All heavy atoms as atom14 arrays in JSON, in Angstrom:
{
  "sequence": "QATLCDITHQIDPYNYAEASYIMASSTRHFPENSFHLLLFNLFDKP",
  "atom14_mask": [
    [1, 1, 1, 1, 1, 1, 1, 1, 1, 0, 0, 0, 0, 0],
    [1, 1, 1, 1, 1, 0, 0, 0, 0, 0, 0, 0, 0, 0],
    [1, 1, 1, 1, 1, 1, 1, 0, 0, 0, 0, 0, 0, 0],
    [1, 1, 1, 1, 1, 1, 1, 1, 0, 0, 0, 0, 0, 0],
    [1, 1, 1, 1, 1, 1, 0, 0, 0, 0, 0, 0, 0, 0],
    [1, 1, 1, 1, 1, 1, 1, 1, 0, 0, 0, 0, 0, 0],
    [1, 1, 1, 1, 1, 1, 1, 1, 0, 0, 0, 0, 0, 0],
    [1, 1, 1, 1, 1, 1, 1, 0, 0, 0, 0, 0, 0, 0],
    [1, 1, 1, 1, 1, 1, 1, 1, 1, 1, 0, 0, 0, 0],
    [1, 1, 1, 1, 1, 1, 1, 1, 1, 0, 0, 0, 0, 0],
    [1, 1, 1, 1, 1, 1, 1, 1, 0, 0, 0, 0, 0, 0],
    [1, 1, 1, 1, 1, 1, 1, 1, 0, 0, 0, 0, 0, 0],
    [1, 1, 1, 1, 1, 1, 1, 0, 0, 0, 0, 0, 0, 0],
    [1, 1, 1, 1, 1, 1, 1, 1, 1, 1, 1, 1, 0, 0],
    [1, 1, 1, 1, 1, 1, 1, 1, 0, 0, 0, 0, 0, 0],
    [1, 1, 1, 1, 1, 1, 1, 1, 1, 1, 1, 1, 0, 0],
    [1, 1, 1, 1, 1, 0, 0, 0, 0, 0, 0, 0, 0, 0],
    [1, 1, 1, 1, 1, 1, 1, 1, 1, 0, 0, 0, 0, 0],
    [1, 1, 1, 1, 1, 0, 0, 0, 0, 0, 0, 0, 0, 0],
    [1, 1, 1, 1, 1, 1, 0, 0, 0, 0, 0, 0, 0, 0],
    [1, 1, 1, 1, 1, 1, 1, 1, 1, 1, 1, 1, 0, 0],
    [1, 1, 1, 1, 1, 1, 1, 1, 0, 0, 0, 0, 0, 0],
    [1, 1, 1, 1, 1, 1, 1, 1, 0, 0, 0, 0, 0, 0],
    [1, 1, 1, 1, 1, 0, 0, 0, 0, 0, 0, 0, 0, 0],
    [1, 1, 1, 1, 1, 1, 0, 0, 0, 0, 0, 0, 0, 0],
    [1, 1, 1, 1, 1, 1, 0, 0, 0, 0, 0, 0, 0, 0],
    [1, 1, 1, 1, 1, 1, 1, 0, 0, 0, 0, 0, 0, 0],
    [1, 1, 1, 1, 1, 1, 1, 1, 1, 1, 1, 0, 0, 0],
    [1, 1, 1, 1, 1, 1, 1, 1, 1, 1, 0, 0, 0, 0],
    [1, 1, 1, 1, 1, 1, 1, 1, 1, 1, 1, 0, 0, 0],
    [1, 1, 1, 1, 1, 1, 1, 0, 0, 0, 0, 0, 0, 0],
    [1, 1, 1, 1, 1, 1, 1, 1, 1, 0, 0, 0, 0, 0],
    [1, 1, 1, 1, 1, 1, 1, 1, 0, 0, 0, 0, 0, 0],
    [1, 1, 1, 1, 1, 1, 0, 0, 0, 0, 0, 0, 0, 0],
    [1, 1, 1, 1, 1, 1, 1, 1, 1, 1, 1, 0, 0, 0],
    [1, 1, 1, 1, 1, 1, 1, 1, 1, 1, 0, 0, 0, 0],
    [1, 1, 1, 1, 1, 1, 1, 1, 0, 0, 0, 0, 0, 0],
    [1, 1, 1, 1, 1, 1, 1, 1, 0, 0, 0, 0, 0, 0],
    [1, 1, 1, 1, 1, 1, 1, 1, 0, 0, 0, 0, 0, 0],
    [1, 1, 1, 1, 1, 1, 1, 1, 1, 1, 1, 0, 0, 0],
    [1, 1, 1, 1, 1, 1, 1, 1, 0, 0, 0, 0, 0, 0],
    [1, 1, 1, 1, 1, 1, 1, 1, 0, 0, 0, 0, 0, 0],
    [1, 1, 1, 1, 1, 1, 1, 1, 1, 1, 1, 0, 0, 0],
    [1, 1, 1, 1, 1, 1, 1, 1, 0, 0, 0, 0, 0, 0],
    [1, 1, 1, 1, 1, 1, 1, 1, 1, 0, 0, 0, 0, 0],
    [1, 1, 1, 1, 1, 1, 1, 0, 0, 0, 0, 0, 0, 0]
  ],
  "atom14_positions": [
    [[0.81, -1.22, 0.0], [0.0, 0.0, 0.0], [0.85, 1.27, 0.0], [0.32, 2.38, -0.13], [-0.94, 0.01, 1.21], [-0.27, 0.31, 2.54], [0.56, -0.82, 3.14], [0.76, -1.87, 2.55], [1.08, -0.6, 4.34], [0.0, 0.0, 0.0], [0.0, 0.0, 0.0], [0.0, 0.0, 0.0], [0.0, 0.0, 0.0], [0.0, 0.0, 0.0]],
    [[2.16, 1.14, 0.12], [3.04, 2.31, 0.24], [3.08, 3.12, -1.06], [2.96, 2.57, -2.15], [4.45, 1.88, 0.61], [0.0, 0.0, 0.0], [0.0, 0.0, 0.0], [0.0, 0.0, 0.0], [0.0, 0.0, 0.0], [0.0, 0.0, 0.0], [0.0, 0.0, 0.0], [0.0, 0.0, 0.0], [0.0, 0.0, 0.0], [0.0, 0.0, 0.0]],
    [[3.24, 4.41, -0.89], [3.51, 5.29, -2.01], [4.97, 5.68, -1.91], [5.4, 6.24, -0.9], [2.63, 6.57, -1.93], [1.25, 6.18, -1.95], [2.93, 7.51, -3.08], [0.0, 0.0, 0.0], [0.0, 0.0, 0.0], [0.0, 0.0, 0.0], [0.0, 0.0, 0.0], [0.0, 0.0, 0.0], [0.0, 0.0, 0.0], [0.0, 0.0, 0.0]],
    [[5.74, 5.36, -2.94], [7.17, 5.65, -2.93], [7.45, 6.88, -3.76], [6.85, 7.09, -4.81], [7.97, 4.47, -3.47], [7.77, 3.13, -2.75], [8.63, 2.06, -3.39], [8.08, 3.25, -1.29], [0.0, 0.0, 0.0], [0.0, 0.0, 0.0], [0.0, 0.0, 0.0], [0.0, 0.0, 0.0], [0.0, 0.0, 0.0], [0.0, 0.0, 0.0]],
    [[8.38, 7.69, -3.3], [8.76, 8.91, -3.99], [10.28, 9.03, -3.96], [10.89, 8.95, -2.9], [8.11, 10.11, -3.29], [8.57, 11.69, -4.0], [0.0, 0.0, 0.0], [0.0, 0.0, 0.0], [0.0, 0.0, 0.0], [0.0, 0.0, 0.0], [0.0, 0.0, 0.0], [0.0, 0.0, 0.0], [0.0, 0.0, 0.0], [0.0, 0.0, 0.0]],
    [[10.86, 9.23, -5.13], [12.3, 9.45, -5.2], [12.58, 10.94, -5.08], [11.98, 11.74, -5.81], [12.86, 8.97, -6.55], [12.74, 7.49, -6.74], [13.09, 6.75, -5.81], [12.29, 7.06, -7.82], [0.0, 0.0, 0.0], [0.0, 0.0, 0.0], [0.0, 0.0, 0.0], [0.0, 0.0, 0.0], [0.0, 0.0, 0.0], [0.0, 0.0, 0.0]],
    [[13.46, 11.3, -4.17], [13.95, 12.68, -4.14], [15.1, 12.77, -5.14], [15.05, 13.53, -6.08], [14.34, 13.12, -2.72], [13.09, 13.16, -1.85], [15.05, 14.46, -2.75], [13.34, 13.47, -0.39], [0.0, 0.0, 0.0], [0.0, 0.0, 0.0], [0.0, 0.0, 0.0], [0.0, 0.0, 0.0], [0.0, 0.0, 0.0], [0.0, 0.0, 0.0]],
    [[16.12, 11.95, -4.95], [17.21, 11.84, -5.92], [18.04, 10.61, -5.61], [18.06, 10.14, -4.47], [18.12, 13.09, -5.93], [19.09, 12.96, -6.98], [18.84, 13.28, -4.62], [0.0, 0.0, 0.0], [0.0, 0.0, 0.0], [0.0, 0.0, 0.0], [0.0, 0.0, 0.0], [0.0, 0.0, 0.0], [0.0, 0.0, 0.0], [0.0, 0.0, 0.0]],
    [[18.7, 10.1, -6.64], [19.67, 9.03, -6.48], [21.03, 9.49, -7.02], [21.9, 8.68, -7.3], [19.22, 7.76, -7.22], [17.97, 7.18, -6.67], [17.91, 6.57, -5.44], [16.71, 7.14, -7.17], [16.66, 6.17, -5.21], [15.93, 6.51, -6.24], [0.0, 0.0, 0.0], [0.0, 0.0, 0.0], [0.0, 0.0, 0.0], [0.0, 0.0, 0.0]],
    [[21.18, 10.79, -7.17], [22.37, 11.35, -7.83], [23.29, 12.12, -6.89], [24.1, 12.92, -7.34], [21.94, 12.27, -8.98], [21.02, 11.63, -9.99], [21.61, 10.41, -10.65], [22.81, 10.32, -10.88], [20.77, 9.43, -10.96], [0.0, 0.0, 0.0], [0.0, 0.0, 0.0], [0.0, 0.0, 0.0], [0.0, 0.0, 0.0], [0.0, 0.0, 0.0]],
    [[23.18, 11.91, -5.6], [24.09, 12.59, -4.67], [25.5, 12.04, -4.87], [25.68, 10.83, -4.98], [23.63, 12.41, -3.21], [22.27, 13.09, -3.01], [24.66, 12.97, -2.24], [21.66, 12.87, -1.66], [0.0, 0.0, 0.0], [0.0, 0.0, 0.0], [0.0, 0.0, 0.0], [0.0, 0.0, 0.0], [0.0, 0.0, 0.0], [0.0, 0.0, 0.0]],
    [[26.46, 12.92, -4.91], [27.84, 12.49, -5.07], [28.28, 11.71, -3.83], [28.08, 12.18, -2.7], [28.78, 13.68, -5.26], [28.56, 14.4, -6.57], [28.17, 13.73, -7.55], [28.77, 15.62, -6.62], [0.0, 0.0, 0.0], [0.0, 0.0, 0.0], [0.0, 0.0, 0.0], [0.0, 0.0, 0.0], [0.0, 0.0, 0.0], [0.0, 0.0, 0.0]],
    [[28.87, 10.51, -4.03], [29.34, 9.75, -2.86], [30.26, 10.59, -1.97], [31.08, 11.36, -2.46], [30.1, 8.58, -3.49], [29.47, 8.43, -4.85], [29.12, 9.84, -5.28], [0.0, 0.0, 0.0], [0.0, 0.0, 0.0], [0.0, 0.0, 0.0], [0.0, 0.0, 0.0], [0.0, 0.0, 0.0], [0.0, 0.0, 0.0], [0.0, 0.0, 0.0]],
    [[30.09, 10.45, -0.68], [30.88, 11.12, 0.36], [30.64, 12.63, 0.44], [31.33, 13.31, 1.19], [32.37, 10.83, 0.19], [32.67, 9.36, 0.12], [33.0, 8.76, -1.08], [32.55, 8.56, 1.25], [33.24, 7.39, -1.16], [32.78, 7.2, 1.19], [33.12, 6.62, -0.02], [33.34, 5.27, -0.08], [0.0, 0.0, 0.0], [0.0, 0.0, 0.0]],
    [[29.67, 13.16, -0.29], [29.4, 14.59, -0.25], [28.28, 14.84, 0.77], [27.11, 15.0, 0.42], [29.02, 15.12, -1.64], [28.99, 16.63, -1.69], [28.82, 17.29, -0.67], [29.15, 17.18, -2.88], [0.0, 0.0, 0.0], [0.0, 0.0, 0.0], [0.0, 0.0, 0.0], [0.0, 0.0, 0.0], [0.0, 0.0, 0.0], [0.0, 0.0, 0.0]],
    [[28.67, 14.89, 2.03], [27.71, 15.07, 3.12], [27.0, 16.42, 3.03], [25.82, 16.52, 3.35], [28.4, 14.93, 4.47], [28.64, 13.49, 4.86], [29.7, 12.77, 4.34], [27.79, 12.85, 5.75], [29.93, 11.45, 4.69], [28.0, 11.52, 6.12], [29.06, 10.83, 5.58], [29.27, 9.52, 5.92], [0.0, 0.0, 0.0], [0.0, 0.0, 0.0]],
    [[27.7, 17.46, 2.59], [27.07, 18.78, 2.47], [25.94, 18.74, 1.44], [24.85, 19.27, 1.69], [28.11, 19.83, 2.1], [0.0, 0.0, 0.0], [0.0, 0.0, 0.0], [0.0, 0.0, 0.0], [0.0, 0.0, 0.0], [0.0, 0.0, 0.0], [0.0, 0.0, 0.0], [0.0, 0.0, 0.0], [0.0, 0.0, 0.0], [0.0, 0.0, 0.0]],
    [[26.18, 18.12, 0.32], [25.15, 18.01, -0.72], [23.97, 17.18, -0.22], [22.81, 17.58, -0.38], [25.75, 17.38, -1.98], [24.73, 17.21, -3.1], [25.29, 16.48, -4.31], [26.16, 15.58, -4.15], [24.84, 16.79, -5.42], [0.0, 0.0, 0.0], [0.0, 0.0, 0.0], [0.0, 0.0, 0.0], [0.0, 0.0, 0.0], [0.0, 0.0, 0.0]],
    [[24.25, 16.05, 0.39], [23.19, 15.18, 0.88], [22.33, 15.89, 1.94], [21.11, 15.84, 1.89], [23.78, 13.9, 1.46], [0.0, 0.0, 0.0], [0.0, 0.0, 0.0], [0.0, 0.0, 0.0], [0.0, 0.0, 0.0], [0.0, 0.0, 0.0], [0.0, 0.0, 0.0], [0.0, 0.0, 0.0], [0.0, 0.0, 0.0], [0.0, 0.0, 0.0]],
    [[22.97, 16.55, 2.87], [22.2, 17.21, 3.93], [21.4, 18.39, 3.39], [20.26, 18.6, 3.8], [23.11, 17.65, 5.07], [24.03, 18.63, 4.65], [0.0, 0.0, 0.0], [0.0, 0.0, 0.0], [0.0, 0.0, 0.0], [0.0, 0.0, 0.0], [0.0, 0.0, 0.0], [0.0, 0.0, 0.0], [0.0, 0.0, 0.0], [0.0, 0.0, 0.0]],
    [[21.96, 19.12, 2.44], [21.23, 20.25, 1.85], [19.98, 19.76, 1.12], [18.89, 20.3, 1.3], [22.14, 21.03, 0.89], [21.39, 22.07, 0.11], [20.98, 23.26, 0.7], [21.06, 21.85, -1.23], [20.26, 24.21, -0.01], [20.35, 22.79, -1.94], [19.94, 23.97, -1.33], [19.23, 24.9, -2.04], [0.0, 0.0, 0.0], [0.0, 0.0, 0.0]],
    [[20.13, 18.73, 0.29], [18.99, 18.21, -0.47], [17.92, 17.67, 0.47], [16.73, 17.96, 0.31], [19.46, 17.14, -1.47], [20.23, 17.81, -2.61], [18.28, 16.33, -2.02], [20.93, 16.87, -3.56], [0.0, 0.0, 0.0], [0.0, 0.0, 0.0], [0.0, 0.0, 0.0], [0.0, 0.0, 0.0], [0.0, 0.0, 0.0], [0.0, 0.0, 0.0]],
    [[18.33, 16.91, 1.47], [17.36, 16.35, 2.39], [16.67, 17.41, 3.23], [15.45, 17.41, 3.37], [18.03, 15.32, 3.31], [18.43, 14.04, 2.61], [17.06, 13.22, 1.75], [15.92, 12.97, 3.08], [0.0, 0.0, 0.0], [0.0, 0.0, 0.0], [0.0, 0.0, 0.0], [0.0, 0.0, 0.0], [0.0, 0.0, 0.0], [0.0, 0.0, 0.0]],
    [[17.43, 18.32, 3.79], [16.84, 19.37, 4.63], [15.89, 20.26, 3.82], [14.87, 20.7, 4.34], [17.94, 20.21, 5.27], [0.0, 0.0, 0.0], [0.0, 0.0, 0.0], [0.0, 0.0, 0.0], [0.0, 0.0, 0.0], [0.0, 0.0, 0.0], [0.0, 0.0, 0.0], [0.0, 0.0, 0.0], [0.0, 0.0, 0.0], [0.0, 0.0, 0.0]],
    [[16.23, 20.48, 2.57], [15.42, 21.36, 1.73], [14.16, 20.67, 1.21], [13.18, 21.35, 0.88], [16.25, 21.85, 0.54], [17.36, 22.59, 0.99], [0.0, 0.0, 0.0], [0.0, 0.0, 0.0], [0.0, 0.0, 0.0], [0.0, 0.0, 0.0], [0.0, 0.0, 0.0], [0.0, 0.0, 0.0], [0.0, 0.0, 0.0], [0.0, 0.0, 0.0]],
    [[14.16, 19.36, 1.12], [13.02, 18.67, 0.51], [12.08, 18.02, 1.52], [10.86, 18.09, 1.35], [13.51, 17.63, -0.5], [14.31, 16.66, 0.13], [0.0, 0.0, 0.0], [0.0, 0.0, 0.0], [0.0, 0.0, 0.0], [0.0, 0.0, 0.0], [0.0, 0.0, 0.0], [0.0, 0.0, 0.0], [0.0, 0.0, 0.0], [0.0, 0.0, 0.0]],
    [[12.59, 17.38, 2.55], [11.72, 16.59, 3.42], [10.7, 17.43, 4.16], [9.6, 16.95, 4.44], [12.54, 15.77, 4.44], [13.36, 16.64, 5.21], [13.4, 14.73, 3.74], [0.0, 0.0, 0.0], [0.0, 0.0, 0.0], [0.0, 0.0, 0.0], [0.0, 0.0, 0.0], [0.0, 0.0, 0.0], [0.0, 0.0, 0.0], [0.0, 0.0, 0.0]],
    [[11.0, 18.67, 4.43], [10.04, 19.51, 5.17], [8.76, 19.78, 4.38], [7.76, 20.22, 4.93], [10.7, 20.81, 5.61], [11.18, 21.67, 4.45], [12.06, 22.81, 4.97], [12.72, 23.47, 3.88], [12.44, 24.71, 3.49], [11.53, 25.41, 4.13], [13.09, 25.24, 2.48], [0.0, 0.0, 0.0], [0.0, 0.0, 0.0], [0.0, 0.0, 0.0]],
    [[8.79, 19.52, 3.07], [7.62, 19.75, 2.23], [6.72, 18.52, 2.11], [5.68, 18.58, 1.47], [8.06, 20.2, 0.83], [8.79, 21.5, 0.84], [8.17, 22.71, 1.07], [10.11, 21.77, 0.7], [9.06, 23.67, 1.05], [10.25, 23.14, 0.82], [0.0, 0.0, 0.0], [0.0, 0.0, 0.0], [0.0, 0.0, 0.0], [0.0, 0.0, 0.0]],
    [[7.11, 17.43, 2.75], [6.32, 16.21, 2.69], [5.26, 16.22, 3.78], [5.4, 16.9, 4.8], [7.24, 14.99, 2.85], [7.92, 14.6, 1.57], [8.99, 15.34, 1.1], [7.48, 13.52, 0.83], [9.63, 15.0, -0.08], [8.1, 13.17, -0.35], [9.18, 13.91, -0.82], [0.0, 0.0, 0.0], [0.0, 0.0, 0.0], [0.0, 0.0, 0.0]],
    [[4.21, 15.4, 3.61], [3.17, 15.33, 4.64], [3.73, 14.82, 5.97], [4.69, 14.04, 6.0], [2.16, 14.33, 4.07], [2.45, 14.23, 2.62], [3.9, 14.56, 2.45], [0.0, 0.0, 0.0], [0.0, 0.0, 0.0], [0.0, 0.0, 0.0], [0.0, 0.0, 0.0], [0.0, 0.0, 0.0], [0.0, 0.0, 0.0], [0.0, 0.0, 0.0]],
    [[3.11, 15.26, 7.04], [3.48, 14.77, 8.36], [3.38, 13.25, 8.39], [2.54, 12.65, 7.71], [2.55, 15.38, 9.41], [3.01, 15.15, 10.82], [2.22, 15.97, 11.82], [2.17, 17.21, 11.65], [1.68, 15.38, 12.76], [0.0, 0.0, 0.0], [0.0, 0.0, 0.0], [0.0, 0.0, 0.0], [0.0, 0.0, 0.0], [0.0, 0.0, 0.0]],
    [[4.24, 12.62, 9.16], [4.33, 11.17, 9.32], [4.9, 10.46, 8.1], [4.76, 9.24, 7.97], [3.0, 10.55, 9.73], [2.56, 11.02, 11.09], [3.36, 11.05, 12.02], [1.31, 11.41, 11.21], [0.0, 0.0, 0.0], [0.0, 0.0, 0.0], [0.0, 0.0, 0.0], [0.0, 0.0, 0.0], [0.0, 0.0, 0.0], [0.0, 0.0, 0.0]],
    [[5.55, 11.19, 7.2], [6.23, 10.56, 6.07], [7.48, 9.86, 6.58], [8.07, 10.23, 7.6], [6.65, 11.61, 5.04], [5.55, 12.16, 4.39], [0.0, 0.0, 0.0], [0.0, 0.0, 0.0], [0.0, 0.0, 0.0], [0.0, 0.0, 0.0], [0.0, 0.0, 0.0], [0.0, 0.0, 0.0], [0.0, 0.0, 0.0], [0.0, 0.0, 0.0]],
    [[7.89, 8.84, 5.86], [9.13, 8.1, 6.14], [10.14, 8.48, 5.07], [9.85, 8.38, 3.88], [8.89, 6.59, 6.11], [8.09, 6.1, 7.27], [6.71, 6.14, 7.25], [8.73, 5.59, 8.39], [5.97, 5.68, 8.33], [8.0, 5.13, 9.48], [6.62, 5.18, 9.44], [0.0, 0.0, 0.0], [0.0, 0.0, 0.0], [0.0, 0.0, 0.0]],
    [[11.32, 8.9, 5.49], [12.38, 9.32, 4.58], [13.55, 8.35, 4.7], [14.14, 8.23, 5.78], [12.84, 10.74, 4.9], [11.72, 11.72, 4.9], [11.16, 12.21, 3.74], [11.02, 12.3, 5.92], [10.18, 13.06, 4.03], [10.07, 13.12, 5.36], [0.0, 0.0, 0.0], [0.0, 0.0, 0.0], [0.0, 0.0, 0.0], [0.0, 0.0, 0.0]],
    [[13.89, 7.69, 3.61], [15.04, 6.8, 3.6], [16.22, 7.57, 3.04], [16.2, 8.0, 1.89], [14.76, 5.56, 2.75], [14.03, 4.44, 3.48], [12.56, 4.77, 3.63], [14.22, 3.14, 2.77], [0.0, 0.0, 0.0], [0.0, 0.0, 0.0], [0.0, 0.0, 0.0], [0.0, 0.0, 0.0], [0.0, 0.0, 0.0], [0.0, 0.0, 0.0]],
    [[17.22, 7.75, 3.86], [18.45, 8.44, 3.47], [19.51, 7.36, 3.25], [20.19, 6.94, 4.18], [18.91, 9.4, 4.56], [18.08, 10.65, 4.8], [16.76, 10.33, 5.47], [18.84, 11.64, 5.64], [0.0, 0.0, 0.0], [0.0, 0.0, 0.0], [0.0, 0.0, 0.0], [0.0, 0.0, 0.0], [0.0, 0.0, 0.0], [0.0, 0.0, 0.0]],
    [[19.61, 6.89, 2.04], [20.49, 5.77, 1.71], [21.78, 6.32, 1.12], [22.06, 6.21, -0.07], [19.77, 4.82, 0.73], [18.39, 4.36, 1.21], [17.72, 3.51, 0.15], [18.48, 3.64, 2.53], [0.0, 0.0, 0.0], [0.0, 0.0, 0.0], [0.0, 0.0, 0.0], [0.0, 0.0, 0.0], [0.0, 0.0, 0.0], [0.0, 0.0, 0.0]],
    [[22.55, 6.92, 1.98], [23.77, 7.63, 1.58], [24.91, 7.19, 2.49], [24.79, 7.28, 3.71], [23.52, 9.14, 1.72], [24.74, 9.98, 1.56], [25.24, 10.28, 0.3], [25.41, 10.48, 2.66], [26.37, 11.05, 0.15], [26.55, 11.25, 2.53], [27.03, 11.54, 1.26], [0.0, 0.0, 0.0], [0.0, 0.0, 0.0], [0.0, 0.0, 0.0]],
    [[25.98, 6.71, 1.88], [27.16, 6.29, 2.64], [26.79, 5.41, 3.84], [27.3, 5.58, 4.93], [27.95, 7.5, 3.14], [28.78, 8.14, 2.06], [28.66, 7.8, 0.88], [29.61, 9.07, 2.43], [0.0, 0.0, 0.0], [0.0, 0.0, 0.0], [0.0, 0.0, 0.0], [0.0, 0.0, 0.0], [0.0, 0.0, 0.0], [0.0, 0.0, 0.0]],
    [[25.91, 4.46, 3.6], [25.44, 3.6, 4.69], [26.57, 2.87, 5.39], [26.52, 2.63, 6.58], [24.42, 2.58, 4.16], [23.09, 3.14, 3.7], [22.22, 2.01, 3.16], [22.38, 3.88, 4.8], [0.0, 0.0, 0.0], [0.0, 0.0, 0.0], [0.0, 0.0, 0.0], [0.0, 0.0, 0.0], [0.0, 0.0, 0.0], [0.0, 0.0, 0.0]],
    [[27.59, 2.49, 4.64], [28.68, 1.69, 5.19], [29.96, 2.49, 5.3], [31.05, 1.94, 5.25], [28.9, 0.45, 4.31], [27.62, -0.24, 3.92], [27.26, -0.37, 2.59], [26.77, -0.76, 4.88], [26.09, -1.0, 2.24], [25.6, -1.4, 4.54], [25.25, -1.52, 3.21], [0.0, 0.0, 0.0], [0.0, 0.0, 0.0], [0.0, 0.0, 0.0]],
    [[29.85, 3.8, 5.46], [31.01, 4.68, 5.5], [31.95, 4.34, 6.65], [33.16, 4.39, 6.51], [30.53, 6.13, 5.61], [31.62, 7.13, 5.37], [32.61, 6.8, 4.69], [31.5, 8.27, 5.85], [0.0, 0.0, 0.0], [0.0, 0.0, 0.0], [0.0, 0.0, 0.0], [0.0, 0.0, 0.0], [0.0, 0.0, 0.0], [0.0, 0.0, 0.0]],
    [[31.38, 4.0, 7.79], [32.18, 3.59, 8.94], [31.99, 2.09, 9.14], [30.87, 1.59, 8.97], [31.72, 4.32, 10.2], [31.82, 5.82, 10.15], [31.46, 6.5, 11.45], [30.18, 6.02, 12.06], [29.76, 6.7, 13.26], [0.0, 0.0, 0.0], [0.0, 0.0, 0.0], [0.0, 0.0, 0.0], [0.0, 0.0, 0.0], [0.0, 0.0, 0.0]],
    [[33.03, 1.37, 9.5], [32.88, -0.08, 9.67], [31.89, -0.48, 10.77], [31.32, -1.55, 10.73], [34.28, -0.58, 10.0], [35.13, 0.62, 10.2], [34.38, 1.82, 9.73], [0.0, 0.0, 0.0], [0.0, 0.0, 0.0], [0.0, 0.0, 0.0], [0.0, 0.0, 0.0], [0.0, 0.0, 0.0], [0.0, 0.0, 0.0], [0.0, 0.0, 0.0]]
  ]
}
């Protein structure tokens, strides 16, 4: 039943500034109780 929405899959690897800017600028416009998957550098630290 989920509705999926892509914000972007084009964030430059290891570019935390770009990732945080895009997420902070976009997620606030989504409906309350939305789930946001931030799949960026998931395995950056062991």
